[in-house]
Protein backbone atom coordinates (compact mmCIF):
# COMPACT_ATOMS: atom_id res chain seq x y z
CA MET A 1 234.33 -122.38 155.71
CA GLU A 2 231.13 -122.33 158.27
CA GLY A 3 229.19 -124.09 155.16
CA GLU A 4 231.81 -126.80 155.50
CA GLY A 5 231.32 -127.59 159.04
CA LYS A 6 227.74 -127.22 158.57
CA ARG A 7 227.55 -129.85 155.87
CA GLU A 8 230.39 -131.95 158.65
CA GLU A 9 227.83 -131.75 161.06
CA ARG A 10 225.16 -133.19 159.07
CA LYS A 11 226.98 -135.76 157.59
CA TRP A 12 227.83 -136.80 161.47
CA ALA A 13 224.24 -136.30 162.69
CA ILE A 14 222.42 -138.93 159.88
CA THR A 15 225.20 -141.60 159.36
CA TRP A 16 225.64 -144.67 161.17
CA GLU A 17 229.64 -143.56 161.84
CA GLY A 18 227.88 -140.65 163.53
CA PHE A 19 225.67 -142.53 165.47
CA VAL A 20 228.41 -144.88 166.31
CA GLN A 21 230.42 -141.77 167.36
CA GLU A 22 227.64 -140.61 169.56
CA LEU A 23 227.18 -144.19 171.10
CA LYS A 24 231.09 -143.57 172.10
CA LYS A 25 230.60 -140.09 173.91
CA ALA A 26 227.29 -141.43 175.78
CA GLY A 27 228.53 -144.28 176.99
CA TYR A 28 231.77 -142.64 178.29
CA LEU A 29 229.35 -140.35 180.21
CA ALA A 30 226.30 -142.74 180.82
CA ALA A 31 228.61 -145.61 182.64
CA PRO A 32 230.84 -143.98 185.15
CA MET A 33 227.40 -142.02 185.87
CA VAL A 34 225.11 -145.36 186.47
CA ALA A 35 228.00 -146.30 188.96
CA VAL A 36 227.97 -142.53 190.64
CA SER A 37 224.37 -142.36 191.04
CA VAL A 38 224.04 -146.24 192.34
CA LEU A 39 227.04 -145.22 194.70
CA GLN A 40 225.17 -142.12 196.39
CA TYR A 41 222.03 -144.07 196.67
CA LEU A 42 223.36 -146.85 198.58
CA LEU A 43 224.38 -144.43 201.16
CA GLN A 44 220.77 -144.37 202.64
CA VAL A 45 220.33 -148.27 202.10
CA VAL A 46 223.47 -148.76 204.36
CA SER A 47 222.14 -146.78 207.05
CA VAL A 48 218.88 -148.21 207.15
CA ILE A 49 220.63 -151.71 206.89
CA ILE A 50 222.66 -151.22 209.96
CA VAL A 51 219.70 -149.08 211.78
CA GLY A 52 217.88 -151.96 211.20
CA HIS A 53 219.64 -154.54 213.62
CA LEU A 54 218.83 -152.26 216.41
CA GLY A 55 214.99 -153.39 216.79
CA ALA A 56 211.80 -152.71 214.92
CA LEU A 57 211.30 -149.05 216.53
CA ALA A 58 214.54 -147.87 215.28
CA LEU A 59 214.03 -149.48 211.61
CA SER A 60 210.54 -147.91 211.49
CA SER A 61 211.55 -144.75 212.58
CA ALA A 62 214.56 -144.28 210.28
CA ALA A 63 212.75 -145.59 207.25
CA ILE A 64 209.92 -143.15 207.84
CA ALA A 65 212.55 -140.35 208.56
CA THR A 66 214.39 -141.70 205.32
CA SER A 67 211.48 -141.17 203.50
CA ILE A 68 210.27 -137.59 205.12
CA THR A 69 213.36 -136.12 203.95
CA ASN A 70 213.95 -137.33 201.07
CA VAL A 71 210.26 -136.20 199.71
CA THR A 72 210.40 -132.88 201.52
CA GLY A 73 214.33 -132.16 201.49
CA PHE A 74 216.88 -134.15 199.62
CA SER A 75 214.63 -134.69 196.59
CA LEU A 76 213.48 -130.84 195.95
CA LEU A 77 217.48 -129.85 196.11
CA SER A 78 218.42 -132.67 193.51
CA GLY A 79 215.68 -131.23 191.49
CA MET A 80 216.56 -127.60 191.70
CA ALA A 81 219.76 -128.75 190.68
CA GLY A 82 218.16 -129.53 187.45
CA GLY A 83 218.34 -125.95 186.28
CA LEU A 84 222.21 -126.15 186.57
CA GLU A 85 222.08 -128.82 183.73
CA THR A 86 220.74 -126.37 181.29
CA LEU A 87 222.48 -123.11 182.31
CA ALA A 88 225.99 -124.44 182.73
CA GLY A 89 225.72 -127.52 179.90
CA GLN A 90 224.93 -124.58 177.32
CA ALA A 91 227.28 -122.28 178.72
CA TYR A 92 230.30 -124.78 178.47
CA GLY A 93 229.22 -125.93 175.26
CA ALA A 94 229.31 -122.12 173.90
CA LYS A 95 232.43 -122.07 175.33
CA GLN A 96 231.64 -119.42 178.17
CA TYR A 97 233.64 -121.23 180.53
CA GLN A 98 233.73 -118.55 183.28
CA LYS A 99 229.81 -118.52 183.48
CA LEU A 100 229.88 -121.99 184.17
CA GLY A 101 231.49 -121.29 187.42
CA THR A 102 229.12 -118.10 188.14
CA TYR A 103 226.13 -120.36 187.51
CA THR A 104 227.04 -122.57 189.93
CA TYR A 105 227.75 -120.55 192.37
CA SER A 106 224.10 -118.84 192.01
CA ALA A 107 222.78 -122.34 192.22
CA ILE A 108 224.73 -123.13 195.59
CA ILE A 109 223.39 -119.98 196.78
CA SER A 110 219.95 -120.67 195.94
CA LEU A 111 219.86 -124.11 197.11
CA ILE A 112 221.18 -122.43 200.71
CA ILE A 113 218.30 -120.24 200.75
CA MET A 114 215.53 -123.19 200.30
CA CYS A 115 217.14 -125.24 203.36
CA PRO A 116 216.09 -122.82 206.46
CA PRO A 117 212.56 -123.49 205.87
CA ILE A 118 212.85 -127.33 205.51
CA CYS A 119 214.81 -127.41 208.61
CA VAL A 120 211.73 -125.79 210.56
CA LEU A 121 209.48 -128.73 208.87
CA TRP A 122 211.94 -131.44 209.68
CA ILE A 123 212.17 -130.05 213.50
CA PHE A 124 208.39 -130.40 213.63
CA ILE A 125 207.95 -133.94 212.01
CA GLY A 126 207.38 -135.36 215.60
CA LYS A 127 204.33 -133.14 215.92
CA LEU A 128 202.94 -133.72 212.19
CA LEU A 129 203.33 -137.11 212.01
CA PRO A 130 200.98 -138.04 214.70
CA LEU A 131 198.48 -135.98 212.97
CA LEU A 132 198.96 -138.07 209.98
CA GLY A 133 197.99 -141.42 212.10
CA GLN A 134 201.69 -142.50 212.76
CA ASP A 135 202.66 -144.15 216.03
CA THR A 136 204.21 -141.29 218.93
CA SER A 137 207.07 -143.15 219.51
CA ILE A 138 207.84 -143.79 215.95
CA SER A 139 207.41 -140.04 215.60
CA GLN A 140 209.63 -139.04 218.03
CA GLU A 141 212.55 -141.16 217.06
CA ALA A 142 211.89 -140.42 213.27
CA CYS A 143 212.27 -136.65 214.21
CA LYS A 144 215.42 -136.95 216.20
CA TYR A 145 216.50 -138.71 213.05
CA SER A 146 215.30 -136.06 210.95
CA MET A 147 217.14 -133.49 213.21
CA TRP A 148 220.44 -134.86 212.55
CA LEU A 149 220.55 -135.10 208.97
CA ILE A 150 220.05 -131.13 209.10
CA PRO A 151 223.47 -130.96 208.37
CA ALA A 152 223.75 -133.40 205.25
CA LEU A 153 220.69 -130.92 203.78
CA PHE A 154 223.20 -128.12 204.04
CA GLY A 155 225.82 -130.27 202.62
CA GLY A 156 223.63 -131.37 199.94
CA ALA A 157 223.33 -127.69 198.90
CA VAL A 158 226.54 -127.49 197.98
CA LEU A 159 227.22 -131.17 196.50
CA LYS A 160 224.64 -130.98 194.03
CA PRO A 161 225.90 -127.75 192.44
CA LEU A 162 229.33 -129.58 192.45
CA THR A 163 228.04 -132.91 191.03
CA ARG A 164 226.24 -130.92 187.95
CA TYR A 165 229.06 -128.36 187.78
CA LEU A 166 231.30 -131.60 186.87
CA GLN A 167 229.08 -133.48 185.02
CA THR A 168 228.41 -130.73 182.24
CA GLN A 169 232.11 -130.45 181.84
CA SER A 170 232.01 -134.48 181.29
CA VAL A 171 234.16 -134.69 184.31
CA ILE A 172 233.28 -137.42 185.88
CA LEU A 173 235.68 -140.12 187.03
CA PRO A 174 236.63 -137.92 190.42
CA MET A 175 232.52 -138.47 191.18
CA LEU A 176 233.22 -142.09 190.59
CA ILE A 177 236.25 -142.20 192.60
CA THR A 178 235.06 -140.15 195.46
CA SER A 179 231.53 -141.75 195.56
CA SER A 180 233.42 -145.28 196.20
CA PHE A 181 235.27 -143.80 198.79
CA ILE A 182 232.65 -142.00 200.63
CA LEU A 183 230.50 -145.31 200.44
CA CYS A 184 233.31 -146.78 202.12
CA PHE A 185 233.81 -144.40 204.88
CA HIS A 186 230.03 -144.12 205.58
CA THR A 187 229.99 -148.03 206.01
CA ILE A 188 232.57 -147.76 208.54
CA SER A 189 231.55 -144.74 209.97
CA CYS A 190 227.84 -145.53 210.21
CA TRP A 191 228.65 -148.94 212.12
CA THR A 192 231.43 -147.43 214.36
CA LEU A 193 228.92 -144.49 215.29
CA VAL A 194 225.70 -146.92 215.90
CA TYR A 195 227.23 -149.90 217.55
CA LYS A 196 231.14 -148.93 219.26
CA LEU A 197 229.59 -145.29 220.20
CA GLN A 198 226.53 -146.80 220.94
CA LEU A 199 224.59 -143.76 219.71
CA GLY A 200 222.02 -145.47 217.85
CA GLN A 201 220.23 -144.44 215.36
CA LYS A 202 220.85 -141.11 215.55
CA GLY A 203 224.91 -142.27 214.83
CA ALA A 204 223.44 -143.18 211.34
CA ALA A 205 221.99 -139.63 210.59
CA ILE A 206 225.48 -138.12 211.97
CA ALA A 207 227.57 -140.79 209.70
CA TYR A 208 225.55 -139.81 206.81
CA SER A 209 225.83 -135.92 207.35
CA LEU A 210 229.30 -136.22 207.84
CA SER A 211 229.87 -138.47 204.65
CA THR A 212 228.12 -135.58 202.62
CA TRP A 213 230.46 -133.11 203.89
CA LEU A 214 233.37 -134.99 203.25
CA ASN A 215 232.32 -135.67 199.65
CA VAL A 216 231.80 -131.73 199.57
CA ILE A 217 235.34 -131.41 200.70
CA LEU A 218 236.89 -133.78 198.34
CA LEU A 219 235.11 -132.53 195.07
CA GLY A 220 235.50 -128.79 196.57
CA LEU A 221 239.58 -129.46 196.48
CA TYR A 222 239.37 -131.11 193.47
CA VAL A 223 237.68 -128.06 191.80
CA LYS A 224 240.23 -125.89 193.05
CA PHE A 225 242.97 -127.52 192.26
CA SER A 226 242.63 -129.57 189.25
CA SER A 227 243.80 -128.34 185.68
CA ALA A 228 240.40 -130.27 184.68
CA CYS A 229 238.52 -127.42 185.99
CA GLU A 230 241.04 -124.49 185.47
CA LYS A 231 239.27 -122.93 182.48
CA THR A 232 235.56 -123.04 184.14
CA ARG A 233 236.68 -121.89 187.94
CA ALA A 234 235.38 -118.62 188.55
CA PRO A 235 235.72 -115.79 191.51
CA LEU A 236 232.44 -115.22 193.53
CA SER A 237 231.26 -112.22 192.77
CA ARG A 238 228.14 -109.90 192.09
CA GLU A 239 226.99 -111.72 188.90
CA ALA A 240 226.55 -114.66 190.86
CA LEU A 241 223.85 -112.83 192.99
CA TYR A 242 222.39 -111.42 189.49
CA GLY A 243 222.01 -115.43 188.28
CA ILE A 244 219.82 -116.25 191.59
CA ARG A 245 216.35 -115.38 189.87
CA GLU A 246 217.66 -117.20 186.18
CA PHE A 247 218.48 -120.17 188.28
CA PHE A 248 214.98 -120.39 189.87
CA GLN A 249 213.36 -119.70 186.95
CA LEU A 250 214.53 -122.99 186.07
CA GLY A 251 215.34 -124.59 188.68
CA VAL A 252 211.91 -124.34 190.56
CA PRO A 253 210.19 -126.26 187.39
CA SER A 254 213.14 -128.89 187.28
CA ALA A 255 212.00 -129.57 191.33
CA ILE A 256 208.43 -129.85 190.53
CA MET A 257 209.31 -132.16 187.92
CA VAL A 258 211.06 -134.19 189.75
CA CYS A 259 208.88 -133.99 192.77
CA LEU A 260 205.57 -134.46 191.64
CA LYS A 261 206.57 -138.18 190.63
CA TRP A 262 208.00 -138.84 193.81
CA TRP A 263 205.27 -137.41 195.80
CA SER A 264 203.18 -139.95 193.93
CA MET A 265 204.94 -142.70 194.66
CA GLU A 266 204.86 -142.03 198.54
CA LEU A 267 201.10 -141.46 198.65
CA LEU A 268 200.49 -144.73 196.63
CA ILE A 269 202.41 -146.18 200.30
CA LEU A 270 200.08 -144.25 202.37
CA LEU A 271 197.01 -145.53 200.32
CA SER A 272 198.13 -149.17 200.61
CA GLY A 273 197.81 -148.43 204.50
CA LEU A 274 193.73 -148.17 204.25
CA PHE A 275 193.31 -151.81 203.01
CA LYS A 276 191.72 -154.64 204.93
CA ASN A 277 195.41 -156.56 205.62
CA PRO A 278 197.29 -152.96 205.76
CA LYS A 279 200.77 -154.78 207.00
CA LEU A 280 201.04 -156.93 203.78
CA GLU A 281 199.67 -154.45 201.39
CA THR A 282 202.20 -151.64 202.81
CA SER A 283 204.88 -154.20 202.97
CA VAL A 284 204.60 -155.53 199.47
CA LEU A 285 204.36 -151.94 197.68
CA SER A 286 207.15 -151.01 199.53
CA ILE A 287 209.38 -153.40 198.62
CA CYS A 288 208.20 -153.08 194.91
CA LEU A 289 209.08 -149.25 195.33
CA THR A 290 212.50 -149.89 196.75
CA ILE A 291 213.25 -152.64 193.35
CA SER A 292 211.85 -149.78 191.38
CA THR A 293 213.84 -146.77 192.83
CA LEU A 294 217.40 -149.17 192.95
CA HIS A 295 216.53 -149.57 188.96
CA PHE A 296 216.06 -145.92 188.27
CA THR A 297 219.61 -145.04 189.69
CA ILE A 298 220.44 -146.62 186.31
CA PRO A 299 218.52 -145.10 183.53
CA TYR A 300 219.15 -141.60 185.81
CA GLY A 301 222.84 -142.39 184.66
CA PHE A 302 221.66 -142.34 180.99
CA GLY A 303 219.36 -139.28 181.25
CA ALA A 304 222.28 -137.48 183.09
CA ALA A 305 224.48 -137.84 180.11
CA ALA A 306 221.89 -137.24 177.91
CA SER A 307 221.47 -134.10 179.60
CA THR A 308 224.86 -133.25 179.45
CA ARG A 309 225.30 -134.05 175.58
CA VAL A 310 222.11 -132.35 174.49
CA SER A 311 223.21 -128.79 176.47
CA ASN A 312 226.52 -128.63 175.67
CA GLU A 313 225.67 -129.35 171.85
CA LEU A 314 222.80 -126.96 171.90
CA GLY A 315 225.29 -124.39 173.51
CA ALA A 316 228.02 -124.98 170.71
CA GLY A 317 224.81 -124.45 168.31
CA ASN A 318 225.03 -128.01 166.92
CA PRO A 319 221.39 -128.70 166.76
CA GLN A 320 221.68 -131.87 165.05
CA LEU A 321 224.05 -133.59 167.06
CA ALA A 322 221.71 -132.63 170.24
CA ARG A 323 219.22 -134.64 168.15
CA MET A 324 221.46 -137.39 167.61
CA ALA A 325 222.25 -137.76 171.55
CA VAL A 326 218.70 -138.09 172.10
CA LEU A 327 218.49 -141.17 169.81
CA VAL A 328 221.65 -142.34 171.35
CA ALA A 329 220.36 -142.12 174.53
CA LEU A 330 216.83 -143.99 174.27
CA PHE A 331 218.89 -146.13 172.07
CA LEU A 332 220.76 -147.43 175.31
CA ALA A 333 217.75 -146.45 177.76
CA GLY A 334 215.81 -149.47 175.72
CA ILE A 335 218.61 -152.06 175.71
CA GLU A 336 218.67 -151.66 179.72
CA SER A 337 215.27 -151.64 180.24
CA VAL A 338 214.92 -155.15 178.25
CA ILE A 339 217.82 -156.80 179.77
CA VAL A 340 217.21 -155.83 183.56
CA SER A 341 213.23 -156.21 183.08
CA SER A 342 213.84 -159.82 181.38
CA GLY A 343 216.27 -160.80 184.38
CA LEU A 344 213.95 -159.72 186.95
CA PHE A 345 210.78 -161.24 185.58
CA LEU A 346 212.92 -164.81 185.20
CA SER A 347 213.49 -164.66 188.39
CA ARG A 348 209.90 -163.68 189.97
CA GLN A 349 209.28 -166.80 191.60
CA VAL A 350 212.42 -166.33 194.27
CA LEU A 351 212.88 -162.40 194.46
CA GLY A 352 210.47 -161.64 197.50
CA TYR A 353 212.78 -163.95 199.67
CA ALA A 354 215.78 -161.36 198.94
CA TYR A 355 213.08 -159.43 201.35
CA SER A 356 210.92 -161.10 203.43
CA ASN A 357 210.76 -165.26 204.61
CA ASP A 358 206.98 -164.81 204.70
CA ARG A 359 205.68 -167.09 201.79
CA GLN A 360 202.86 -164.82 201.13
CA VAL A 361 204.79 -161.96 200.94
CA VAL A 362 206.87 -163.68 198.13
CA ARG A 363 204.03 -164.89 196.49
CA TYR A 364 202.50 -161.34 196.25
CA ILE A 365 205.86 -159.94 194.90
CA SER A 366 205.88 -162.91 192.71
CA VAL A 367 202.19 -160.88 190.81
CA MET A 368 203.58 -157.84 191.02
CA THR A 369 207.19 -158.61 189.37
CA PRO A 370 205.64 -157.96 185.45
CA LEU A 371 204.19 -154.95 186.53
CA ILE A 372 207.72 -154.19 187.87
CA CYS A 373 208.77 -155.08 184.61
CA LEU A 374 206.82 -152.40 182.84
CA SER A 375 207.58 -150.04 185.10
CA PHE A 376 211.37 -150.34 184.60
CA ILE A 377 210.85 -149.81 180.79
CA MET A 378 208.72 -146.40 181.46
CA ASP A 379 211.27 -145.46 183.85
CA SER A 380 213.93 -145.84 181.49
CA LEU A 381 212.28 -144.12 178.93
CA GLN A 382 211.55 -141.33 181.13
CA ALA A 383 214.58 -140.97 182.64
CA VAL A 384 216.11 -140.17 179.44
CA LEU A 385 213.50 -137.64 178.01
CA SER A 386 213.81 -135.97 181.51
CA GLY A 387 217.58 -135.26 180.90
CA VAL A 388 216.45 -134.21 177.40
CA ALA A 389 214.00 -131.88 178.89
CA ARG A 390 216.69 -130.82 181.73
CA GLY A 391 219.44 -130.14 178.86
CA SER A 392 217.12 -128.25 176.71
CA GLY A 393 215.83 -125.79 179.03
CA TRP A 394 211.92 -126.85 178.86
CA GLN A 395 211.47 -127.53 182.35
CA LYS A 396 208.18 -126.05 182.71
CA ILE A 397 206.70 -128.12 180.24
CA GLY A 398 207.77 -131.46 181.76
CA ALA A 399 206.44 -130.17 185.43
CA TYR A 400 202.86 -129.67 183.66
CA ILE A 401 203.33 -133.61 181.70
CA ASN A 402 204.17 -134.84 185.34
CA LEU A 403 201.01 -133.05 186.91
CA GLY A 404 198.42 -134.34 184.50
CA SER A 405 200.27 -137.82 184.44
CA PHE A 406 199.94 -138.64 187.64
CA TYR A 407 197.73 -136.56 189.38
CA LEU A 408 195.09 -136.43 186.93
CA VAL A 409 195.51 -139.85 185.32
CA GLY A 410 197.70 -142.25 187.37
CA LEU A 411 196.53 -141.63 191.13
CA PRO A 412 192.84 -141.36 190.32
CA LEU A 413 193.16 -144.75 188.41
CA ALA A 414 195.13 -146.40 191.27
CA ALA A 415 192.54 -145.16 193.66
CA VAL A 416 189.52 -146.84 191.50
CA LEU A 417 191.41 -149.92 190.63
CA GLY A 418 192.38 -150.28 194.37
CA PHE A 419 189.81 -149.67 196.50
CA VAL A 420 186.58 -149.74 193.64
CA ALA A 421 187.75 -152.65 191.76
CA HIS A 422 189.10 -154.02 194.84
CA LEU A 423 192.77 -154.96 193.29
CA ARG A 424 194.05 -153.85 195.74
CA GLY A 425 198.10 -153.08 195.73
CA LYS A 426 198.33 -154.34 192.20
CA GLY A 427 195.12 -151.55 191.14
CA LEU A 428 197.09 -148.84 192.77
CA TRP A 429 200.61 -150.05 191.35
CA ILE A 430 198.57 -150.41 187.88
CA GLY A 431 196.91 -146.73 187.82
CA ILE A 432 200.58 -145.33 188.64
CA LEU A 433 202.02 -147.27 185.49
CA ALA A 434 199.08 -145.74 183.75
CA GLY A 435 200.58 -142.27 184.91
CA SER A 436 203.89 -143.25 183.97
CA PHE A 437 202.71 -144.45 179.97
CA VAL A 438 201.36 -141.14 180.01
CA GLN A 439 204.01 -139.17 180.91
CA SER A 440 206.47 -141.05 178.59
CA VAL A 441 204.18 -141.00 175.60
CA LEU A 442 203.74 -136.84 176.20
CA LEU A 443 207.72 -136.76 176.75
CA SER A 444 208.06 -138.66 173.63
CA ILE A 445 205.55 -136.13 171.63
CA VAL A 446 207.34 -133.23 173.08
CA THR A 447 210.79 -134.37 172.23
CA ALA A 448 209.89 -135.77 168.69
CA CYS A 449 208.04 -132.08 167.70
CA THR A 450 211.27 -130.15 169.31
CA ASP A 451 212.65 -127.77 166.67
CA TRP A 452 216.21 -128.07 167.70
CA ASN A 453 217.58 -125.48 165.22
CA LYS A 454 215.20 -123.22 167.40
CA GLN A 455 216.44 -124.87 170.68
CA ALA A 456 219.95 -123.97 170.00
CA THR A 457 219.00 -120.38 169.13
CA LYS A 458 217.57 -119.87 172.45
CA ALA A 459 220.86 -121.90 174.14
CA ARG A 460 222.86 -119.12 172.65
CA GLU A 461 220.86 -116.65 173.44
CA ARG A 462 220.15 -117.65 176.81
CA VAL A 463 224.07 -117.43 177.44
CA PHE A 464 225.36 -114.32 175.61
CA GLU A 465 222.35 -112.31 176.14
CA ARG A 466 223.33 -112.25 179.58
CA ARG A 467 226.80 -111.68 179.54
CA SER A 468 225.31 -108.34 177.11
CA SER A 469 223.05 -107.42 179.90
CA MET A 470 225.80 -107.58 182.68
CA LYS A 471 228.40 -105.85 180.83
CA ASP A 472 225.49 -103.06 180.05
CA GLU A 473 224.71 -103.02 184.15
CA ASP A 474 228.67 -102.58 184.67
CA LYS A 475 228.63 -99.32 182.88
């Protein structure tokens, strides 16, 4: 029977019929995950838009606070939660359902531990930003905004593991429903707190914190009472504490992998302020980064689907099906990047008007658009390959690749092209694009050279060896 099972797996892995079957599975996961990713990203966009009508000071301070809190806090938590995609996804594939709940507790505890040091940084943002050349009044307002986001930070420490818990089981619809509801709630509450209750910009931060915790409560209630999570619900036990170390071993490199690229893009904005016309350069690059970030929410959904499918199949001991999942995810990401980048390129002459009425800005953005289109292609590829890395458990390799790609290639080349070759913002973006290209190539090589049989063996050992060691400790 076992031989027949292996032959059946091989059949599904290499035939067109098998590709179509995997395409259906990946599409079922990717489509709602894309929607969830976009809806969650729009929460911060709505906050900045509503605050923007209060005036230039409120807009500047909210934008800076959002950027700083993302870079130093939310991105860190999101990156670390990627370790759960390996542990929980492989445990679910191996049918070790109780371990899925235990791993989630370990992740929540670990992320909560990370929050206090981040809070200290946010509290002193008002004193740190002037040291970086920021206006004192903007820095003080940004500090106030950041402090009201502290509850959202702790909420995120619970929410991000919860979403990974559901994602690794392919339970996506509840997240889609709650994300849609939360966006509506946030829009109404943000407008009410900012304008009706006259709390100003801090009202937007309060609304974001309330929305985060409401999302936690809704998903928590679903996990507690839904029959879909019946197998994977687990009581809080000592095993969750023992799992913290294992989670950090995967979570820390996962966070580094995410943050290194994020930080490089933020450094790009800081460098643009050193040109002769800093307002123009900074404005254009900020708009380009906003467009790129908004697009990235789409391939991120494909990456999440790839992570889930790969981790599940590796945990189940199906290496060829894991490989098929990678190919299907890359196929979907490739189609998406071509369609979106083509549409963007065709609208390059009018794209800038969505952000500014200044003709100089509009013309500059039209020049930058072809580079943004290339970034879309690179982002789509690396989002899927990063998802494969999280699902397989080789986050450390991904962290080294990102370090070399962006800090040994991307940023140095950006500085040379921007300042030495006098290409200004265009040169900065070309440099980062080169880093993205190197990143994508290296991740592709690692993925192509992966021994999926060996990865499946490691996944099974990771799940079952820990179970054996826990039994020995209990004795």
